[in-house]
Amino acid sequence: MKRLAAIALAFSLAACADFPELDATITPEMRRADFPRLATISELQNTPEPRITEATQTGLEARIAALRARAGRLRGAVVGPEAQKRLNTRVSLPPSD
Protein backbone atom coordinates (compact mmCIF):
# COMPACT_ATOMS: atom_id res chain seq x y z
CA MET A 1 0.00 0.00 0.00
CA LYS A 2 2.89 2.33 0.81
CA ARG A 3 4.41 1.63 -2.59
CA LEU A 4 1.16 2.53 -4.33
CA ALA A 5 0.92 5.78 -2.37
CA ALA A 6 4.53 6.66 -3.25
CA ILE A 7 3.87 6.05 -6.95
CA ALA A 8 0.70 8.17 -6.81
CA LEU A 9 2.61 10.97 -5.09
CA ALA A 10 5.38 10.83 -7.71
CA PHE A 11 2.86 11.06 -10.55
CA SER A 12 0.99 13.93 -8.91
CA LEU A 13 4.23 15.88 -8.43
CA ALA A 14 5.22 15.26 -12.05
CA ALA A 15 1.85 16.63 -13.18
CA CYS A 16 2.71 19.98 -11.59
CA ALA A 17 5.91 20.39 -13.60
CA ASP A 18 6.52 23.48 -15.75
CA PHE A 19 7.53 23.16 -19.36
CA PRO A 20 9.41 26.38 -20.20
CA GLU A 21 10.26 25.33 -23.74
CA LEU A 22 6.56 24.84 -24.42
CA ASP A 23 5.62 28.15 -22.77
CA ALA A 24 8.21 29.94 -24.93
CA THR A 25 6.29 28.99 -28.10
CA ILE A 26 3.30 31.16 -27.13
CA THR A 27 3.53 34.56 -28.78
CA PRO A 28 2.34 37.78 -27.08
CA GLU A 29 -0.53 37.98 -29.62
CA MET A 30 -1.66 34.51 -28.54
CA ARG A 31 -1.60 35.54 -24.88
CA ARG A 32 -3.81 38.58 -25.62
CA ALA A 33 -6.24 36.68 -27.87
CA ASP A 34 -9.78 35.90 -26.78
CA PHE A 35 -10.91 32.35 -26.21
CA PRO A 36 -12.39 30.75 -29.33
CA ARG A 37 -16.16 30.80 -29.71
CA LEU A 38 -17.83 27.47 -28.96
CA ALA A 39 -19.97 26.05 -31.76
CA THR A 40 -23.43 24.66 -31.13
CA ILE A 41 -24.43 21.13 -32.08
CA SER A 42 -26.69 22.43 -34.88
CA GLU A 43 -23.78 24.39 -36.39
CA LEU A 44 -21.61 21.30 -36.34
CA GLN A 45 -24.31 19.12 -37.88
CA ASN A 46 -25.00 21.55 -40.74
CA THR A 47 -21.51 21.46 -42.20
CA PRO A 48 -21.26 20.41 -45.86
CA GLU A 49 -20.28 16.84 -46.62
CA PRO A 50 -16.72 16.34 -47.86
CA ARG A 51 -16.52 15.71 -51.59
CA ILE A 52 -14.22 13.37 -53.42
CA THR A 53 -13.45 14.77 -56.85
CA GLU A 54 -12.01 13.05 -59.90
CA ALA A 55 -8.59 14.47 -59.01
CA THR A 56 -8.88 13.05 -55.50
CA GLN A 57 -9.90 9.65 -56.85
CA THR A 58 -7.06 9.65 -59.41
CA GLY A 59 -4.53 10.68 -56.77
CA LEU A 60 -5.70 7.95 -54.40
CA GLU A 61 -5.54 5.30 -57.09
CA ALA A 62 -2.01 6.35 -58.01
CA ARG A 63 -0.95 6.23 -54.38
CA ILE A 64 -2.54 2.80 -53.92
CA ALA A 65 -0.68 1.50 -56.99
CA ALA A 66 2.64 2.93 -55.74
CA LEU A 67 2.15 1.39 -52.29
CA ARG A 68 1.26 -2.00 -53.77
CA ALA A 69 4.36 -1.88 -55.99
CA ARG A 70 6.51 -1.01 -52.99
CA ALA A 71 4.98 -3.86 -50.99
CA GLY A 72 5.75 -6.22 -53.88
CA ARG A 73 9.39 -5.13 -53.90
CA LEU A 74 9.61 -5.64 -50.13
CA ARG A 75 8.34 -9.22 -50.47
CA GLY A 76 11.40 -10.21 -52.51
CA ALA A 77 14.47 -11.95 -51.17
CA VAL A 78 16.59 -9.82 -48.88
CA VAL A 79 19.72 -11.87 -49.38
CA GLY A 80 20.87 -12.90 -52.84
CA PRO A 81 21.49 -16.57 -53.77
CA GLU A 82 25.29 -16.35 -53.45
CA ALA A 83 25.13 -14.73 -50.04
CA GLN A 84 22.51 -17.28 -48.94
CA LYS A 85 24.83 -20.11 -50.02
CA ARG A 86 27.68 -18.63 -47.96
CA LEU A 87 25.38 -18.19 -44.98
CA ASN A 88 24.29 -21.82 -45.17
CA THR A 89 27.84 -23.21 -45.06
CA ARG A 90 29.16 -24.17 -41.66
CA VAL A 91 31.88 -22.19 -40.05
CA SER A 92 34.71 -24.35 -38.77
CA LEU A 93 36.91 -22.83 -36.14
CA PRO A 94 40.55 -23.89 -35.76
CA PRO A 95 41.21 -26.04 -32.68
CA SER A 96 42.16 -24.05 -29.62
CA ASP A 97 45.46 -24.78 -27.90
C-alpha atoms as a PDB file:
ATOM      1  CA  MET A   1       0.000   0.000   0.000  1.00  0.00           C
ATOM      2  CA  LYS A   2       2.889   2.334   0.807  1.00  0.00           C
ATOM      3  CA  ARG A   3       4.415   1.631  -2.590  1.00  0.00           C
ATOM      4  CA  LEU A   4       1.165   2.533  -4.333  1.00  0.00           C
ATOM      5  CA  ALA A   5       0.921   5.783  -2.367  1.00  0.00           C
ATOM      6  CA  ALA A   6       4.527   6.657  -3.249  1.00  0.00           C
ATOM      7  CA  ILE A   7       3.865   6.051  -6.947  1.00  0.00           C
ATOM      8  CA  ALA A   8       0.697   8.167  -6.812  1.00  0.00           C
ATOM      9  CA  LEU A   9       2.609  10.971  -5.087  1.00  0.00           C
ATOM     10  CA  ALA A  10       5.384  10.827  -7.707  1.00  0.00           C
ATOM     11  CA  PHE A  11       2.863  11.063 -10.549  1.00  0.00           C
ATOM     12  CA  SER A  12       0.989  13.926  -8.911  1.00  0.00           C
ATOM     13  CA  LEU A  13       4.228  15.877  -8.427  1.00  0.00           C
ATOM     14  CA  ALA A  14       5.221  15.263 -12.049  1.00  0.00           C
ATOM     15  CA  ALA A  15       1.851  16.630 -13.185  1.00  0.00           C
ATOM     16  CA  CYS A  16       2.713  19.983 -11.589  1.00  0.00           C
ATOM     17  CA  ALA A  17       5.910  20.386 -13.598  1.00  0.00           C
ATOM     18  CA  ASP A  18       6.518  23.477 -15.745  1.00  0.00           C
ATOM     19  CA  PHE A  19       7.533  23.156 -19.363  1.00  0.00           C
ATOM     20  CA  PRO A  20       9.410  26.382 -20.196  1.00  0.00           C
ATOM     21  CA  GLU A  21      10.262  25.334 -23.745  1.00  0.00           C
ATOM     22  CA  LEU A  22       6.558  24.843 -24.424  1.00  0.00           C
ATOM     23  CA  ASP A  23       5.619  28.152 -22.773  1.00  0.00           C
ATOM     24  CA  ALA A  24       8.213  29.938 -24.926  1.00  0.00           C
ATOM     25  CA  THR A  25       6.294  28.991 -28.096  1.00  0.00           C
ATOM     26  CA  ILE A  26       3.300  31.157 -27.126  1.00  0.00           C
ATOM     27  CA  THR A  27       3.529  34.563 -28.784  1.00  0.00           C
ATOM     28  CA  PRO A  28       2.340  37.783 -27.082  1.00  0.00           C
ATOM     29  CA  GLU A  29      -0.526  37.975 -29.615  1.00  0.00           C
ATOM     30  CA  MET A  30      -1.661  34.508 -28.543  1.00  0.00           C
ATOM     31  CA  ARG A  31      -1.602  35.536 -24.879  1.00  0.00           C
ATOM     32  CA  ARG A  32      -3.812  38.583 -25.620  1.00  0.00           C
ATOM     33  CA  ALA A  33      -6.239  36.680 -27.872  1.00  0.00           C
ATOM     34  CA  ASP A  34      -9.782  35.904 -26.780  1.00  0.00           C
ATOM     35  CA  PHE A  35     -10.912  32.354 -26.214  1.00  0.00           C
ATOM     36  CA  PRO A  36     -12.391  30.748 -29.332  1.00  0.00           C
ATOM     37  CA  ARG A  37     -16.160  30.798 -29.713  1.00  0.00           C
ATOM     38  CA  LEU A  38     -17.826  27.467 -28.961  1.00  0.00           C
ATOM     39  CA  ALA A  39     -19.965  26.049 -31.759  1.00  0.00           C
ATOM     40  CA  THR A  40     -23.429  24.664 -31.130  1.00  0.00           C
ATOM     41  CA  ILE A  41     -24.430  21.131 -32.083  1.00  0.00           C
ATOM     42  CA  SER A  42     -26.687  22.430 -34.876  1.00  0.00           C
ATOM     43  CA  GLU A  43     -23.779  24.388 -36.386  1.00  0.00           C
ATOM     44  CA  LEU A  44     -21.614  21.296 -36.343  1.00  0.00           C
ATOM     45  CA  GLN A  45     -24.307  19.116 -37.878  1.00  0.00           C
ATOM     46  CA  ASN A  46     -24.999  21.553 -40.738  1.00  0.00           C
ATOM     47  CA  THR A  47     -21.508  21.460 -42.204  1.00  0.00           C
ATOM     48  CA  PRO A  48     -21.259  20.411 -45.862  1.00  0.00           C
ATOM     49  CA  GLU A  49     -20.276  16.844 -46.624  1.00  0.00           C
ATOM     50  CA  PRO A  50     -16.723  16.341 -47.856  1.00  0.00           C
ATOM     51  CA  ARG A  51     -16.520  15.713 -51.591  1.00  0.00           C
ATOM     52  CA  ILE A  52     -14.222  13.370 -53.422  1.00  0.00           C
ATOM     53  CA  THR A  53     -13.449  14.772 -56.851  1.00  0.00           C
ATOM     54  CA  GLU A  54     -12.006  13.049 -59.904  1.00  0.00           C
ATOM     55  CA  ALA A  55      -8.588  14.469 -59.007  1.00  0.00           C
ATOM     56  CA  THR A  56      -8.884  13.047 -55.496  1.00  0.00           C
ATOM     57  CA  GLN A  57      -9.898   9.653 -56.854  1.00  0.00           C
ATOM     58  CA  THR A  58      -7.060   9.647 -59.409  1.00  0.00           C
ATOM     59  CA  GLY A  59      -4.532  10.683 -56.767  1.00  0.00           C
ATOM     60  CA  LEU A  60      -5.703   7.950 -54.397  1.00  0.00           C
ATOM     61  CA  GLU A  61      -5.543   5.299 -57.092  1.00  0.00           C
ATOM     62  CA  ALA A  62      -2.005   6.353 -58.015  1.00  0.00           C
ATOM     63  CA  ARG A  63      -0.947   6.226 -54.378  1.00  0.00           C
ATOM     64  CA  ILE A  64      -2.538   2.802 -53.922  1.00  0.00           C
ATOM     65  CA  ALA A  65      -0.677   1.500 -56.994  1.00  0.00           C
ATOM     66  CA  ALA A  66       2.635   2.934 -55.739  1.00  0.00           C
ATOM     67  CA  LEU A  67       2.149   1.387 -52.287  1.00  0.00           C
ATOM     68  CA  ARG A  68       1.257  -1.999 -53.772  1.00  0.00           C
ATOM     69  CA  ALA A  69       4.361  -1.880 -55.992  1.00  0.00           C
ATOM     70  CA  ARG A  70       6.512  -1.010 -52.991  1.00  0.00           C
ATOM     71  CA  ALA A  71       4.982  -3.863 -50.989  1.00  0.00           C
ATOM     72  CA  GLY A  72       5.746  -6.224 -53.876  1.00  0.00           C
ATOM     73  CA  ARG A  73       9.393  -5.135 -53.901  1.00  0.00           C
ATOM     74  CA  LEU A  74       9.614  -5.642 -50.134  1.00  0.00           C
ATOM     75  CA  ARG A  75       8.340  -9.224 -50.475  1.00  0.00           C
ATOM     76  CA  GLY A  76      11.399 -10.212 -52.510  1.00  0.00           C
ATOM     77  CA  ALA A  77      14.465 -11.947 -51.167  1.00  0.00           C
ATOM     78  CA  VAL A  78      16.588  -9.817 -48.877  1.00  0.00           C
ATOM     79  CA  VAL A  79      19.723 -11.866 -49.379  1.00  0.00           C
ATOM     80  CA  GLY A  80      20.874 -12.899 -52.844  1.00  0.00           C
ATOM     81  CA  PRO A  81      21.489 -16.571 -53.775  1.00  0.00           C
ATOM     82  CA  GLU A  82      25.294 -16.354 -53.453  1.00  0.00           C
ATOM     83  CA  ALA A  83      25.125 -14.729 -50.044  1.00  0.00           C
ATOM     84  CA  GLN A  84      22.515 -17.281 -48.944  1.00  0.00           C
ATOM     85  CA  LYS A  85      24.828 -20.106 -50.020  1.00  0.00           C
ATOM     86  CA  ARG A  86      27.681 -18.634 -47.960  1.00  0.00           C
ATOM     87  CA  LEU A  87      25.376 -18.191 -44.978  1.00  0.00           C
ATOM     88  CA  ASN A  88      24.286 -21.815 -45.165  1.00  0.00           C
ATOM     89  CA  THR A  89      27.838 -23.208 -45.059  1.00  0.00           C
ATOM     90  CA  ARG A  90      29.159 -24.169 -41.661  1.00  0.00           C
ATOM     91  CA  VAL A  91      31.883 -22.190 -40.055  1.00  0.00           C
ATOM     92  CA  SER A  92      34.708 -24.350 -38.771  1.00  0.00           C
ATOM     93  CA  LEU A  93      36.914 -22.833 -36.135  1.00  0.00           C
ATOM     94  CA  PRO A  94      40.546 -23.887 -35.756  1.00  0.00           C
ATOM     95  CA  PRO A  95      41.213 -26.043 -32.679  1.00  0.00           C
ATOM     96  CA  SER A  96      42.161 -24.048 -29.625  1.00  0.00           C
ATOM     97  CA  ASP A  97      45.456 -24.784 -27.898  1.00  0.00           C
END
